[in-house]
Protein backbone atom coordinates (compact mmCIF):
# COMPACT_ATOMS: atom_id res chain seq x y z
CA MET A 1 -17.47 91.02 -184.07
CA THR A 2 -17.10 89.35 -187.45
CA PRO A 3 -19.76 90.35 -189.99
CA ARG A 4 -22.67 87.97 -190.47
CA ARG A 5 -23.55 87.01 -194.03
CA ALA A 6 -26.91 85.65 -195.09
CA ILE A 7 -27.01 82.69 -197.48
CA ALA A 8 -30.46 82.37 -199.03
CA LEU A 9 -31.86 80.36 -201.94
CA GLY A 10 -29.08 81.55 -204.21
CA ALA A 11 -26.67 79.49 -202.13
CA VAL A 12 -27.71 76.45 -204.15
CA LEU A 13 -25.63 77.78 -207.02
CA LEU A 14 -23.19 79.72 -204.88
CA PHE A 15 -22.01 76.69 -202.95
CA GLY A 16 -21.80 74.65 -206.11
CA GLY A 17 -19.49 77.24 -207.63
CA ILE A 18 -17.38 77.71 -204.53
CA ALA A 19 -17.06 74.02 -203.85
CA SER A 20 -15.69 73.28 -207.31
CA SER A 21 -13.22 76.15 -207.41
CA CYS A 22 -12.17 76.74 -203.82
CA ALA A 23 -8.89 78.64 -203.69
CA GLY A 24 -5.98 76.51 -202.67
CA VAL A 25 -7.83 73.22 -203.12
CA ALA A 26 -7.30 70.92 -206.08
CA ALA A 27 -10.66 70.07 -207.60
CA LYS A 28 -9.85 68.05 -210.68
CA SER A 29 -12.66 66.21 -212.40
CA ALA A 30 -12.45 62.47 -212.76
CA GLY A 31 -10.74 61.56 -215.99
CA THR A 32 -8.42 64.59 -216.23
CA GLU A 33 -5.55 62.14 -215.92
CA PRO A 34 -5.54 58.41 -216.68
CA GLY A 35 -7.06 56.65 -213.68
CA ALA A 36 -7.52 59.93 -211.79
CA ARG A 37 -10.40 60.39 -209.33
CA GLU A 38 -12.12 63.61 -208.47
CA SER A 39 -10.56 65.37 -205.49
CA LEU A 40 -12.84 66.34 -202.61
CA PRO A 41 -13.82 70.02 -202.91
CA VAL A 42 -13.39 71.88 -199.62
CA LYS A 43 -14.87 75.24 -198.65
CA GLY A 44 -13.98 76.87 -195.31
CA LEU A 45 -16.22 79.63 -193.97
CA THR A 46 -14.22 82.75 -193.17
CA SER A 47 -16.80 84.65 -191.11
CA ASP A 48 -20.17 84.12 -189.45
CA GLU A 49 -22.91 83.04 -191.83
CA THR A 50 -26.66 82.53 -191.76
CA TRP A 51 -28.26 79.97 -194.07
CA ARG A 52 -31.88 79.98 -195.14
CA GLY A 53 -33.94 78.55 -197.97
CA GLU A 54 -32.12 75.74 -199.79
CA VAL A 55 -28.38 75.13 -199.58
CA ARG A 56 -26.58 72.59 -201.75
CA ILE A 57 -23.21 71.14 -200.70
CA ARG A 58 -20.80 69.28 -202.92
CA GLY A 59 -17.70 68.20 -201.00
CA SER A 60 -16.81 69.46 -197.53
CA VAL A 61 -17.97 72.70 -195.93
CA VAL A 62 -15.93 73.53 -192.82
CA VAL A 63 -16.97 75.83 -189.97
CA PRO A 64 -13.62 76.67 -188.33
CA ARG A 65 -13.00 77.75 -184.75
CA GLY A 66 -14.19 81.25 -184.01
CA VAL A 67 -16.90 81.15 -186.68
CA THR A 68 -20.63 80.65 -186.06
CA LEU A 69 -22.98 79.08 -188.59
CA THR A 70 -26.66 79.84 -187.95
CA ILE A 71 -29.31 77.91 -189.88
CA GLU A 72 -32.84 79.28 -189.92
CA PRO A 73 -36.10 77.29 -189.57
CA GLY A 74 -37.32 75.61 -192.75
CA THR A 75 -33.86 75.47 -194.35
CA VAL A 76 -33.06 72.38 -196.43
CA VAL A 77 -29.39 71.44 -196.78
CA ARG A 78 -28.85 68.96 -199.63
CA PHE A 79 -25.61 67.01 -199.90
CA GLU A 80 -24.57 65.88 -203.37
CA LYS A 81 -23.34 62.31 -203.69
CA ILE A 82 -19.61 62.31 -204.42
CA ASP A 83 -17.46 59.28 -203.54
CA VAL A 84 -13.85 60.28 -204.16
CA ASP A 85 -12.25 57.26 -202.44
CA GLY A 86 -14.60 54.65 -203.86
CA ASP A 87 -15.60 53.17 -200.51
CA GLY A 88 -19.33 53.33 -201.21
CA ILE A 89 -19.88 56.20 -198.75
CA GLY A 90 -20.64 59.68 -200.03
CA ASP A 91 -18.03 62.24 -198.99
CA SER A 92 -20.05 65.45 -198.87
CA GLU A 93 -20.19 66.73 -195.30
CA LEU A 94 -20.65 69.63 -192.95
CA TYR A 95 -17.67 69.73 -190.56
CA VAL A 96 -18.00 71.99 -187.52
CA GLU A 97 -15.18 73.06 -185.20
CA GLY A 98 -16.69 76.47 -184.46
CA ASN A 99 -20.26 77.10 -183.36
CA LEU A 100 -23.42 75.73 -184.93
CA VAL A 101 -26.89 77.06 -184.12
CA ALA A 102 -29.55 75.16 -186.06
CA GLU A 103 -32.93 75.78 -184.44
CA GLY A 104 -35.97 74.71 -186.42
CA ALA A 105 -39.55 75.45 -185.44
CA PRO A 106 -42.74 73.36 -185.18
CA GLY A 107 -43.79 72.57 -188.74
CA ARG A 108 -40.58 74.15 -190.08
CA PRO A 109 -37.73 71.74 -189.32
CA ILE A 110 -34.21 72.16 -190.63
CA VAL A 111 -33.47 69.23 -192.95
CA PHE A 112 -30.09 67.71 -193.75
CA THR A 113 -30.60 65.27 -196.60
CA SER A 114 -29.34 63.72 -199.80
CA ALA A 115 -29.54 65.56 -203.09
CA GLU A 116 -30.22 62.29 -204.94
CA LYS A 117 -33.59 61.78 -206.64
CA THR A 118 -33.74 58.29 -205.13
CA PRO A 119 -31.89 58.70 -201.83
CA SER A 120 -30.42 55.97 -199.65
CA ALA A 121 -28.20 55.63 -196.60
CA ARG A 122 -24.54 56.56 -197.25
CA ASP A 123 -25.36 59.17 -199.92
CA TRP A 124 -23.41 61.72 -197.85
CA LYS A 125 -21.00 61.34 -194.97
CA TYR A 126 -22.19 63.29 -191.92
CA LEU A 127 -22.73 66.42 -189.95
CA PHE A 128 -19.55 66.17 -187.87
CA VAL A 129 -19.08 68.32 -184.75
CA ASN A 130 -15.57 68.27 -183.28
CA LEU A 131 -14.07 70.52 -180.57
CA SER A 132 -17.09 72.82 -180.70
CA ARG A 133 -17.86 74.92 -177.64
CA LYS A 134 -21.44 75.57 -178.70
CA THR A 135 -23.62 73.40 -180.88
CA ILE A 136 -27.42 73.56 -180.75
CA LEU A 137 -29.60 71.32 -182.88
CA THR A 138 -33.34 71.69 -182.34
CA ARG A 139 -36.14 70.38 -184.56
CA CYS A 140 -33.79 69.11 -187.24
CA VAL A 141 -34.06 66.08 -189.54
CA SER A 142 -30.91 64.22 -190.61
CA GLU A 143 -31.39 61.43 -193.15
CA TYR A 144 -29.69 59.28 -195.81
CA ALA A 145 -26.19 59.82 -194.37
CA PHE A 146 -23.50 57.47 -193.16
CA SER A 147 -23.91 59.20 -189.78
CA GLY A 148 -26.79 61.60 -189.30
CA VAL A 149 -24.83 63.56 -186.68
CA GLN A 150 -21.54 62.86 -184.94
CA ILE A 151 -20.47 64.85 -181.86
CA HIS A 152 -16.96 64.50 -180.39
CA PHE A 153 -15.00 66.52 -177.80
CA SER A 154 -17.78 69.11 -177.84
CA ARG A 155 -20.54 70.76 -175.85
CA ALA A 156 -23.86 70.26 -177.53
CA THR A 157 -27.61 70.29 -177.05
CA VAL A 158 -29.68 68.13 -179.38
CA THR A 159 -33.46 68.19 -178.87
CA HIS A 160 -36.62 67.33 -180.83
CA CYS A 161 -34.63 66.00 -183.80
CA LEU A 162 -35.36 63.09 -186.13
CA PHE A 163 -32.55 60.78 -187.25
CA ARG A 164 -33.70 58.29 -189.87
CA ARG A 165 -32.46 56.09 -192.72
CA ASN A 166 -28.78 56.44 -191.87
CA VAL A 167 -26.18 53.86 -190.92
CA ASP A 168 -25.54 55.61 -187.57
CA GLY A 169 -28.47 57.80 -186.62
CA PHE A 170 -26.75 59.70 -183.80
CA ARG A 171 -23.17 59.11 -182.67
CA PHE A 172 -21.03 60.69 -179.96
CA SER A 173 -17.93 60.31 -177.80
CA THR A 174 -16.24 62.52 -175.19
CA ALA A 175 -19.21 64.86 -175.33
CA GLU A 176 -20.94 67.12 -172.82
CA GLY A 177 -24.56 68.09 -173.14
CA THR A 178 -28.14 66.94 -173.27
CA PHE A 179 -29.62 64.83 -176.04
CA SER A 180 -33.36 64.58 -175.46
CA ARG A 181 -36.82 64.31 -177.06
CA ASN A 182 -35.31 62.95 -180.27
CA ARG A 183 -36.50 60.07 -182.43
CA MET A 184 -34.03 57.59 -183.92
CA THR A 185 -35.65 55.21 -186.40
CA GLU A 186 -34.91 53.21 -189.57
CA ASN A 187 -31.14 53.35 -188.99
CA VAL A 188 -28.69 50.48 -188.66
CA TYR A 189 -27.71 51.91 -185.24
CA GLY A 190 -30.13 54.35 -183.64
CA VAL A 191 -27.50 55.63 -181.21
CA ARG A 192 -23.82 54.67 -181.31
CA TYR A 193 -21.46 55.91 -178.63
CA GLU A 194 -18.08 55.54 -176.97
CA GLU A 195 -18.15 57.12 -173.54
CA ARG A 196 -14.47 58.14 -173.26
CA ASN A 197 -15.13 60.41 -170.24
CA SER A 198 -18.35 61.84 -171.67
CA ASN A 199 -20.76 63.47 -169.25
CA ALA A 200 -23.67 63.50 -171.64
CA VAL A 201 -27.32 62.87 -170.81
CA LEU A 202 -29.40 60.78 -173.22
CA SER A 203 -32.96 61.12 -171.94
CA GLY A 204 -36.55 61.12 -173.14
CA ASN A 205 -35.77 59.79 -176.62
CA ASP A 206 -37.72 57.32 -178.76
CA ILE A 207 -35.30 54.75 -180.19
CA THR A 208 -37.26 52.26 -182.24
CA GLY A 209 -37.38 50.56 -185.63
CA ASN A 210 -33.61 50.38 -186.07
CA LYS A 211 -31.49 47.28 -186.58
CA VAL A 212 -29.84 47.99 -183.19
CA GLY A 213 -31.31 50.57 -180.81
CA ILE A 214 -28.21 51.64 -178.85
CA PHE A 215 -24.69 50.39 -179.61
CA CYS A 216 -22.19 50.98 -176.80
CA VAL A 217 -18.91 50.40 -178.60
CA MET A 218 -16.31 50.53 -175.81
CA GLU A 219 -14.75 52.48 -172.92
CA SER A 220 -18.00 53.05 -171.06
CA THR A 221 -18.22 52.99 -167.27
CA GLY A 222 -21.59 54.63 -166.67
CA LYS A 223 -20.70 58.32 -166.85
CA VAL A 224 -23.18 58.79 -169.67
CA THR A 225 -26.70 58.98 -168.24
CA ILE A 226 -29.22 56.97 -170.26
CA ARG A 227 -32.60 57.30 -168.59
CA GLY A 228 -36.26 57.89 -169.40
CA ASN A 229 -35.98 56.68 -172.98
CA ARG A 230 -38.22 54.38 -175.00
CA ILE A 231 -35.84 51.72 -176.35
CA HIS A 232 -37.97 49.11 -178.04
CA GLY A 233 -38.95 47.37 -181.27
CA ASN A 234 -35.48 47.25 -182.83
CA ALA A 235 -34.86 44.36 -185.23
CA ASP A 236 -31.76 42.67 -183.76
CA TYR A 237 -31.17 44.16 -180.33
CA ASP A 238 -32.45 47.07 -178.29
CA PHE A 239 -29.03 47.49 -176.64
CA LYS A 240 -25.72 45.99 -177.79
CA LEU A 241 -22.20 46.05 -176.35
CA GLY A 242 -19.17 46.09 -178.64
CA ASN A 243 -16.57 43.35 -178.33
CA ARG A 244 -14.20 45.64 -176.36
CA GLN A 245 -16.79 46.69 -173.76
CA LYS A 246 -15.71 44.54 -170.82
CA SER A 247 -17.23 46.52 -167.94
CA ASP A 248 -20.90 46.74 -166.95
CA VAL A 249 -23.05 49.56 -168.31
CA PRO A 250 -25.82 50.87 -166.02
CA VAL A 251 -28.94 52.05 -167.87
CA PRO A 252 -31.79 52.00 -165.31
CA GLY A 253 -35.08 53.83 -165.67
CA ASN A 254 -35.90 53.22 -169.33
CA TRP A 255 -38.94 51.68 -171.05
CA TRP A 256 -38.15 48.61 -173.15
CA GLY A 257 -41.55 47.92 -174.67
CA THR A 258 -42.45 45.49 -171.89
CA ALA A 259 -42.31 45.22 -168.11
CA ASP A 260 -41.07 41.61 -168.27
CA PRO A 261 -37.35 41.48 -167.31
CA GLY A 262 -36.88 38.17 -169.13
CA ALA A 263 -38.24 39.61 -172.36
CA ILE A 264 -36.07 42.70 -171.99
CA ARG A 265 -32.94 40.64 -171.49
CA LYS A 266 -33.57 38.69 -174.70
CA ARG A 267 -33.32 41.98 -176.58
CA ILE A 268 -29.88 42.83 -175.13
CA PHE A 269 -26.46 41.70 -176.40
CA ASP A 270 -24.05 41.56 -173.45
CA ARG A 271 -22.47 38.94 -171.18
CA GLY A 272 -25.57 36.82 -171.51
CA THR A 273 -24.61 36.31 -175.15
CA GLU A 274 -20.80 36.69 -175.07
CA ALA A 275 -19.07 35.70 -171.82
CA GLU A 276 -16.21 38.21 -172.12
CA LEU A 277 -18.48 41.24 -172.29
CA GLY A 278 -19.87 43.35 -169.48
CA ARG A 279 -23.52 43.39 -168.52
CA VAL A 280 -26.23 45.88 -169.40
CA LEU A 281 -27.76 46.75 -166.02
CA PHE A 282 -31.26 47.81 -167.04
CA GLU A 283 -33.04 47.35 -163.70
CA PRO A 284 -34.95 49.00 -162.17
CA HIS A 285 -36.77 49.72 -165.42
CA LEU A 286 -39.94 51.65 -166.15
CA GLN A 287 -43.13 49.63 -165.89
CA ALA A 288 -44.92 51.68 -168.54
CA PRO A 289 -43.88 54.11 -171.29
CA PRO A 290 -43.25 57.71 -170.19
CA ASP A 291 -46.31 59.91 -170.51
CA GLY A 292 -46.62 63.19 -172.31
CA GLU A 293 -43.46 62.91 -174.40
CA GLU A 294 -43.07 64.68 -177.73
CA TYR A 295 -40.40 63.13 -179.93
CA GLY A 296 -38.69 64.37 -183.06
CA THR A 297 -39.63 67.48 -184.96
């Protein structure tokens, strides 16, 4: 078994030093050559690590295959704003291809956030999970990112998390797992997904106060189960299909803030708005909000 290293409060400085001088990675400061931009610092973990306290990331931290990153309750991970390509999106990120176990506790969530004094969406890029066989996110907060969390080609469990003030709150494609008891709010898109043979279950979440509640981009045929959620009170639409989503998308058994089918349909962007799109099949729908649910952290 690979040794497990603990990263505590000192990691604030440790990561800053490693990120700016990572072996094998050019990390020139802006202005070292005429017109030069700062290169993205990259740090790859080489063995299992445990983070606690406060961790500061500048650039990209990569969890490669075969390595497990464990994050303890109450940990705050701050991403410094660094925009090396000038696209207006911060490039600091946590990129996971190995295993990630981030399990907060009641009153002690794990927080992924901006390091800016006055934070805003796009300050950092994302927590990106790709090809991971085991990712667990419980009682976490992800905020002020381009994407709070993205999960692709992975097995993951995401429960009791809060995604807020991002462009995409929670995004996935070709994923297996359960995403439940989360709250997505104050994002542009609360949930954004491309099914692509996913077998994920999105259930018991509160998706409200976003510009768009759920955005189904394309390639969805109903393999993703979306049931038992509260999808309501989003500014533009509660559910929206992308312009390449031509087939119908079944999403029965959710609460839409009302029991009136006509009112629900007005909050959906599908064939009723654009003739070439599929339909969002929301009936039968819940007649009242689910009882006894606990959302977020």
